[in-house]
C-alpha cells in the first residue's frame, strides 16, 4: 500500500468534521490527533472520529505522529497557525481562503519553501475529477473562444454570532464563498484578470453578507459572480464560448457531471468523471501523492496568491477591512 499521511486537525467545527468524517474513505490518509481551544470539544470530536485529543493547537503540532495539519480555523487565524505548523515541520492543508490578505499568504508560502514543506489551499472541489475534466474541456477549445462565465454560490443558514460575520476574523461572503467563484473563473479563463469590480451589501457587523462582482480578463473573457451568506439562489455555473456553452450544477459539490452544448444549442452531451471517494478524502489523497511522490496538486501557490489578490481588490472596493 502507498505510504499514507497522518493528519492532525486544528479546530472542531463543521468543516473539520467533514474532513475527519471522509478521511476514513481516503486510501492514503489516517487521522492522528485533533486540537481545540476546549478540552471537552476535542474529546467529543476525538471519540467520534477516533483521534488523540488535545485542548490546544500547539500540542497537535508537537505530536510526532502527525505528518500534515489540516487547518479549519477562522480565516484570520490561518496565517498564524500555518506558520507555526510549517515551523514545526508539518505539511499544511489550509482551508480557503488561504489567508486574511495577500501579504500573509506570501509569507506563508515563503515559509513553506524555507522549511521544505508543502502548503496547499483547501479548495476541495478542485480535487474532483469532473472539475479537472471541465477545465481541460474549456481550455481545450470544446466551446471555442471563452467569452462569458457566470458563477454563483450562496446560502442562508448562519447565526449572527457565526465567525463569518466578524470583520476581525476576516469574515464576509466574498471570503467564504465568493472565493470559489473567483477561483473557478480564473481557472476556466486560464489567467489573471486585468480589472475587477464589485458591489456589496454590508451586514450590520461590517462584513459583506452578499455581493456581486465582475472579472475582466484583458477584454477577452468576462466573468460575473454572485455570492452571499443571507440569501438562497441557484448555484449553477455557465461557461459561454463562440461555439457552444457548458453548464454545471453546483460545481462546489459536484455530482460527477457537466453538460456540453454545441451548435445552436441542439446538441447536448453529458460529460461524466466519477469521484473515487468523498471530496475531502480525494483532497487528502492528493496531498499524500504530492508529499510522497511529488504529484502536482490542482491548487498551486500561484493560483492561491492570484485568488487572494483579487479578493483584496474586491474588498477594498466595497469598503470591507482586510
Protein backbone atom coordinates (compact mmCIF):
# COMPACT_ATOMS: atom_id res chain seq x y z
CA UNK A 1 0.00 0.00 0.00
CA UNK A 2 1.21 3.52 -0.78
CA UNK A 3 2.51 5.49 2.16
CA UNK A 4 -0.23 7.45 3.96
CA UNK A 5 -0.17 10.85 5.59
CA UNK A 6 -1.02 11.01 9.29
CA UNK A 7 -3.18 14.05 9.95
CA UNK A 8 -3.64 16.46 12.80
CA UNK A 9 -6.66 18.76 12.71
CA UNK A 10 -6.82 22.24 14.21
CA UNK A 11 -10.40 23.09 15.08
CA UNK A 12 -13.53 21.02 15.62
CA UNK A 13 -16.11 22.96 13.60
CA UNK A 14 -18.40 21.83 10.80
CA UNK A 15 -15.76 21.70 8.05
CA UNK A 16 -13.27 19.93 10.32
CA UNK A 17 -15.93 17.28 10.92
CA UNK A 18 -16.49 16.86 7.19
CA UNK A 19 -12.77 16.36 6.65
CA UNK A 20 -12.44 13.91 9.55
CA UNK A 21 -15.60 12.04 8.55
CA UNK A 22 -14.35 11.46 5.00
CA UNK A 23 -10.74 10.74 5.92
CA UNK A 24 -11.72 7.14 6.63
CA UNK A 25 -12.58 6.81 2.95
CA UNK A 26 -9.17 8.05 1.83
CA UNK A 27 -6.73 5.42 0.65
CA UNK A 28 -3.71 7.38 1.91
CA UNK A 29 -4.88 9.31 4.96
CA UNK A 30 -5.06 8.50 8.67
CA UNK A 31 -6.39 10.73 11.43
CA UNK A 32 -3.88 11.01 14.27
CA UNK A 33 -4.95 13.87 16.53
CA UNK A 34 -7.18 16.89 16.92
CA UNK A 35 -6.83 20.11 18.87
CA UNK A 36 -9.43 22.58 20.11
CA UNK A 37 -9.48 25.58 22.42
CA UNK A 38 -11.62 23.48 24.76
CA UNK A 39 -10.81 20.03 26.06
CA UNK A 40 -14.44 18.91 26.01
CA UNK A 41 -14.87 19.81 22.34
CA UNK A 42 -11.66 17.98 21.42
CA UNK A 43 -12.63 14.90 23.40
CA UNK A 44 -16.08 14.70 21.83
CA UNK A 45 -14.54 15.08 18.37
CA UNK A 46 -11.84 12.50 19.12
CA UNK A 47 -14.35 9.94 20.34
CA UNK A 48 -16.49 10.38 17.25
CA UNK A 49 -13.68 10.17 14.70
CA UNK A 50 -11.03 8.15 16.53
CA UNK A 51 -8.26 10.63 17.26
CA UNK A 52 -5.89 11.56 20.07
CA UNK A 53 -7.24 14.76 21.61
CA UNK A 54 -5.63 17.95 22.89
CA UNK A 55 -7.10 21.05 24.49
CA UNK A 56 -4.81 23.36 22.50
CA UNK A 57 -3.44 23.63 18.99
CA UNK A 58 0.27 23.61 19.81
CA UNK A 59 0.02 20.09 21.23
CA UNK A 60 -1.16 18.82 17.83
CA UNK A 61 1.85 20.46 16.19
CA UNK A 62 4.13 18.78 18.74
CA UNK A 63 2.58 15.34 18.13
CA UNK A 64 5.30 13.19 16.48
CA UNK A 65 2.64 11.05 14.79
CA UNK A 66 1.41 14.00 12.73
CA UNK A 67 2.84 14.43 9.21
CA UNK A 68 0.36 17.03 7.97
CA UNK A 69 -2.01 19.50 9.56
CA UNK A 70 -5.47 20.45 8.34
CA UNK A 71 -6.28 24.00 9.45
CA UNK A 72 -10.02 24.69 9.61
CA UNK A 73 -9.87 27.74 11.88
CA UNK A 74 -11.41 31.16 11.14
CA UNK A 75 -9.77 32.98 8.22
CA UNK A 76 -7.83 35.46 10.36
CA UNK A 77 -6.08 32.57 12.16
CA UNK A 78 -4.83 30.81 9.03
CA UNK A 79 -1.63 32.84 8.81
CA UNK A 80 -0.54 32.38 12.42
CA UNK A 81 -1.22 28.66 12.68
CA UNK A 82 0.09 27.80 9.24
CA UNK A 83 3.42 29.44 10.10
CA UNK A 84 3.55 27.60 13.43
CA UNK A 85 2.77 24.28 11.75
CA UNK A 86 5.34 24.76 8.99
CA UNK A 87 8.00 25.76 11.51
CA UNK A 88 7.24 22.54 13.41
CA UNK A 89 7.99 20.57 10.25
CA UNK A 90 4.41 19.75 9.24
CA UNK A 91 2.88 19.89 5.79
CA UNK A 92 -0.23 22.08 5.76
CA UNK A 93 -3.62 21.89 4.10
CA UNK A 94 -5.22 25.23 4.96
CA UNK A 95 -8.88 25.98 4.41
CA UNK A 96 -9.86 28.60 1.87
CA UNK A 97 -9.26 31.45 1.69
CA UNK A 98 -5.59 30.74 2.30
CA UNK A 99 -5.12 33.85 4.46
CA UNK A 100 -6.59 37.18 5.52
CA UNK A 101 -4.78 39.03 2.73
CA UNK A 102 -2.09 38.64 0.08
CA UNK A 103 0.83 39.73 2.27
CA UNK A 104 0.01 37.00 4.79
CA UNK A 105 -0.29 34.39 2.03
CA UNK A 106 3.07 35.35 0.55
CA UNK A 107 4.76 34.93 3.93
CA UNK A 108 3.11 31.54 4.38
CA UNK A 109 4.37 30.21 1.05
CA UNK A 110 7.84 31.70 1.63
CA UNK A 111 8.00 29.85 4.95
CA UNK A 112 6.85 26.60 3.33
CA UNK A 113 9.69 26.85 0.82
CA UNK A 114 12.28 27.59 3.50
CA UNK A 115 11.10 24.67 5.61
CA UNK A 116 10.81 22.29 2.68
CA UNK A 117 7.16 21.57 3.38
CA UNK A 118 4.04 21.55 1.23
CA UNK A 119 1.37 24.19 1.73
CA UNK A 120 -1.92 23.81 -0.16
CA UNK A 121 -5.11 25.85 -0.06
CA UNK A 122 -8.06 23.56 0.63
CA UNK A 123 -10.36 24.19 -2.31
CA UNK A 124 -11.70 20.66 -2.04
CA UNK A 125 -13.85 20.92 -5.19
CA UNK A 126 -10.71 21.22 -7.35
CA UNK A 127 -9.76 17.64 -6.45
CA UNK A 128 -12.91 16.26 -8.09
CA UNK A 129 -12.05 14.61 -11.46
CA UNK A 130 -15.10 16.21 -13.11
CA UNK A 131 -13.77 19.68 -12.27
CA UNK A 132 -10.41 18.79 -13.76
CA UNK A 133 -12.21 17.48 -16.83
CA UNK A 134 -14.31 20.66 -17.02
CA UNK A 135 -11.23 22.90 -17.01
CA UNK A 136 -9.49 20.70 -19.60
CA UNK A 137 -12.58 20.74 -21.83
CA UNK A 138 -12.87 24.51 -21.76
CA UNK A 139 -9.17 25.15 -22.24
CA UNK A 140 -9.08 22.52 -24.98
CA UNK A 141 -11.43 24.59 -27.15
CA UNK A 142 -14.57 22.46 -26.99
CA UNK A 143 -16.74 25.60 -26.89
CA UNK A 144 -14.40 27.79 -28.93
CA UNK A 145 -13.20 31.11 -27.50
CA UNK A 146 -14.36 31.53 -23.90
CA UNK A 147 -16.29 34.78 -23.66
CA UNK A 148 -18.61 34.69 -20.64
CA UNK A 149 -18.50 32.89 -17.29
CA UNK A 150 -21.32 33.11 -14.72
CA UNK A 151 -20.93 31.51 -11.30
CA UNK A 152 -22.95 31.63 -8.10
CA UNK A 153 -22.50 30.42 -4.53
CA UNK A 154 -24.98 31.47 -1.86
CA UNK A 155 -26.57 30.05 1.27
CA UNK A 156 -28.61 31.22 4.26
CA UNK A 157 -28.06 29.16 7.37
CA UNK A 158 -25.78 31.10 9.72
CA UNK A 159 -26.47 32.53 13.14
CA UNK A 160 -25.47 36.20 13.62
CA UNK A 161 -22.75 35.12 16.07
CA UNK A 162 -21.03 32.98 13.41
CA UNK A 163 -17.36 33.83 12.78
CA UNK A 164 -18.18 34.64 9.15
CA UNK A 165 -19.96 37.79 10.33
CA UNK A 166 -16.92 39.07 12.25
CA UNK A 167 -14.63 41.56 10.46
CA UNK A 168 -11.74 40.91 12.88
CA UNK A 169 -11.79 37.26 11.77
CA UNK A 170 -11.75 38.19 8.05
CA UNK A 171 -15.35 37.17 7.52
CA UNK A 172 -17.72 38.05 4.71
CA UNK A 173 -19.40 36.37 1.77
CA UNK A 174 -16.61 37.03 -0.73
CA UNK A 175 -14.07 35.43 1.57
CA UNK A 176 -16.32 32.50 2.46
CA UNK A 177 -17.95 31.53 -0.83
CA UNK A 178 -17.15 34.20 -3.41
CA UNK A 179 -13.59 32.89 -3.33
CA UNK A 180 -14.84 29.68 -5.01
CA UNK A 181 -16.40 31.63 -7.88
CA UNK A 182 -13.23 33.66 -8.34
CA UNK A 183 -11.06 30.54 -8.24
CA UNK A 184 -13.10 28.66 -10.84
CA UNK A 185 -13.44 31.70 -13.12
CA UNK A 186 -9.68 32.21 -13.12
CA UNK A 187 -9.08 28.51 -13.79
CA UNK A 188 -11.52 28.48 -16.72
CA UNK A 189 -10.15 31.72 -18.17
CA UNK A 190 -6.61 30.39 -17.86
CA UNK A 191 -5.12 33.58 -16.48
CA UNK A 192 -5.41 36.52 -14.14
CA UNK A 193 -7.97 39.33 -14.52
CA UNK A 194 -6.73 42.72 -15.64
CA UNK A 195 -9.63 44.53 -13.98
CA UNK A 196 -12.12 43.62 -11.26
CA UNK A 197 -15.25 45.31 -9.93
CA UNK A 198 -17.59 44.58 -7.04
CA UNK A 199 -20.73 45.80 -5.31
CA UNK A 200 -21.78 44.50 -1.92
CA UNK A 201 -24.40 44.76 0.78
CA UNK A 202 -22.78 45.33 4.15
CA UNK A 203 -24.15 43.48 7.15
CA UNK A 204 -24.57 45.48 10.40
CA UNK A 205 -21.44 43.69 11.64
CA UNK A 206 -19.39 45.33 8.89
CA UNK A 207 -18.75 42.39 6.56
CA UNK A 208 -20.29 41.86 3.14
CA UNK A 209 -23.16 39.41 3.55
CA UNK A 210 -23.92 39.30 -0.18
CA UNK A 211 -22.04 40.63 -3.16
CA UNK A 212 -21.73 40.65 -6.93
CA UNK A 213 -18.60 41.10 -8.98
CA UNK A 214 -17.02 41.00 -12.40
CA UNK A 215 -13.59 39.93 -13.60
CA UNK A 216 -12.23 41.21 -16.92
CA UNK A 217 -9.56 39.00 -18.47
CA UNK A 218 -7.97 41.53 -20.81
CA UNK A 219 -11.25 42.14 -22.62
CA UNK A 220 -11.15 38.58 -23.93
CA UNK A 221 -13.20 36.79 -21.27
CA UNK A 222 -15.67 38.39 -18.88
CA UNK A 223 -16.71 36.61 -15.68
CA UNK A 224 -19.55 37.54 -13.36
CA UNK A 225 -20.27 36.08 -9.94
CA UNK A 226 -22.71 36.43 -7.07
CA UNK A 227 -22.16 35.20 -3.55
CA UNK A 228 -23.97 35.50 -0.24
CA UNK A 229 -24.46 34.21 3.30
CA UNK A 230 -28.01 35.52 3.82
CA UNK A 231 -29.65 34.59 0.52
CA UNK A 232 -30.79 31.48 -1.33
CA UNK A 233 -30.18 31.25 -5.07
CA UNK A 234 -29.24 28.86 -7.86
CA UNK A 235 -25.63 27.59 -7.82
CA UNK A 236 -25.25 26.62 -11.48
CA UNK A 237 -22.17 27.81 -13.36
CA UNK A 238 -22.30 28.61 -17.09
CA UNK A 239 -19.35 28.98 -19.44
CA UNK A 240 -20.21 30.56 -22.80
CA UNK A 241 -17.99 30.35 -25.84
CA UNK A 242 -18.04 31.16 -29.54
CA UNK A 243 -19.02 27.58 -30.48
CA UNK A 244 -21.12 26.39 -27.55
CA UNK A 245 -21.52 26.51 -23.81
CA UNK A 246 -21.18 24.41 -20.67
CA UNK A 247 -23.42 24.25 -17.64
CA UNK A 248 -22.52 22.56 -14.39
CA UNK A 249 -24.90 22.29 -11.47
CA UNK A 250 -23.15 23.41 -8.27
CA UNK A 251 -19.51 22.67 -9.12
CA UNK A 252 -18.59 23.21 -5.46
CA UNK A 253 -20.28 19.89 -4.56
CA UNK A 254 -20.06 18.25 -7.96
CA UNK A 255 -22.37 15.36 -8.93
CA UNK A 256 -19.73 13.90 -11.32
CA UNK A 257 -21.18 15.55 -14.44
CA UNK A 258 -21.45 18.67 -16.56
CA UNK A 259 -23.34 19.38 -19.77
CA UNK A 260 -21.64 20.37 -23.02
CA UNK A 261 -23.92 22.16 -25.52
CA UNK A 262 -22.71 22.78 -29.07
CA UNK A 263 -24.07 24.01 -32.39
CA UNK A 264 -27.11 26.22 -32.00
CA UNK A 265 -27.96 24.54 -28.71
CA UNK A 266 -29.37 21.44 -30.38
CA UNK A 267 -26.60 19.06 -29.32
CA UNK A 268 -26.36 18.33 -25.61
CA UNK A 269 -23.81 15.90 -24.22
CA UNK A 270 -23.40 14.87 -20.59
CA UNK A 271 -19.75 14.54 -19.64
CA UNK A 272 -19.09 12.29 -16.65
CA UNK A 273 -15.99 11.84 -14.48
CA UNK A 274 -16.88 9.94 -11.35
CA UNK A 275 -15.41 10.68 -7.95
CA UNK A 276 -13.34 7.90 -6.41
CA UNK A 277 -14.26 8.97 -2.87
CA UNK A 278 -15.66 11.97 -0.99
CA UNK A 279 -14.28 15.39 -1.87
CA UNK A 280 -12.29 15.69 1.35
CA UNK A 281 -10.95 12.14 1.02
CA UNK A 282 -9.73 12.88 -2.52
CA UNK A 283 -8.16 16.07 -1.20
CA UNK A 284 -6.27 14.10 1.48
CA UNK A 285 -5.13 11.52 -1.07
CA UNK A 286 -3.98 14.31 -3.38
CA UNK A 287 -1.89 15.77 -0.57
CA UNK A 288 -0.30 12.38 0.13
CA UNK A 289 0.58 11.91 -3.54
CA UNK A 290 2.11 15.40 -3.64
CA UNK A 291 4.14 14.89 -0.46
CA UNK A 292 5.41 11.39 -1.19
CA UNK A 293 5.63 11.29 -5.00
CA UNK A 294 5.77 14.95 -5.97
CA UNK A 295 2.49 14.74 -7.89
CA UNK A 296 1.13 18.19 -8.79
CA UNK A 297 -1.84 19.47 -6.80
CA UNK A 298 -4.64 21.28 -8.67
CA UNK A 299 -4.36 24.38 -6.45
CA UNK A 300 -0.84 25.78 -6.78
CA UNK A 301 0.91 28.59 -4.93
CA UNK A 302 0.44 30.88 -7.94
CA UNK A 303 -3.26 30.00 -8.01
CA UNK A 304 -3.75 30.79 -4.32
CA UNK A 305 -1.84 34.06 -4.50
CA UNK A 306 -3.76 35.12 -7.61
CA UNK A 307 -7.06 34.43 -5.89
CA UNK A 308 -6.03 36.35 -2.80
CA UNK A 309 -5.00 39.38 -4.84
CA UNK A 310 -8.44 39.51 -6.46
CA UNK A 311 -10.15 39.18 -3.07
CA UNK A 312 -8.06 42.06 -1.71
CA UNK A 313 -9.04 44.31 -4.61
CA UNK A 314 -12.73 43.49 -4.37
CA UNK A 315 -12.87 44.01 -0.61
CA UNK A 316 -11.08 47.31 -0.93
CA UNK A 317 -13.65 48.48 -3.49
CA UNK A 318 -16.64 47.72 -1.23
CA UNK A 319 -15.03 49.11 1.91
CA UNK A 320 -14.53 45.88 3.83
CA UNK A 321 -11.40 45.93 6.04
CA UNK A 322 -8.65 43.39 5.44
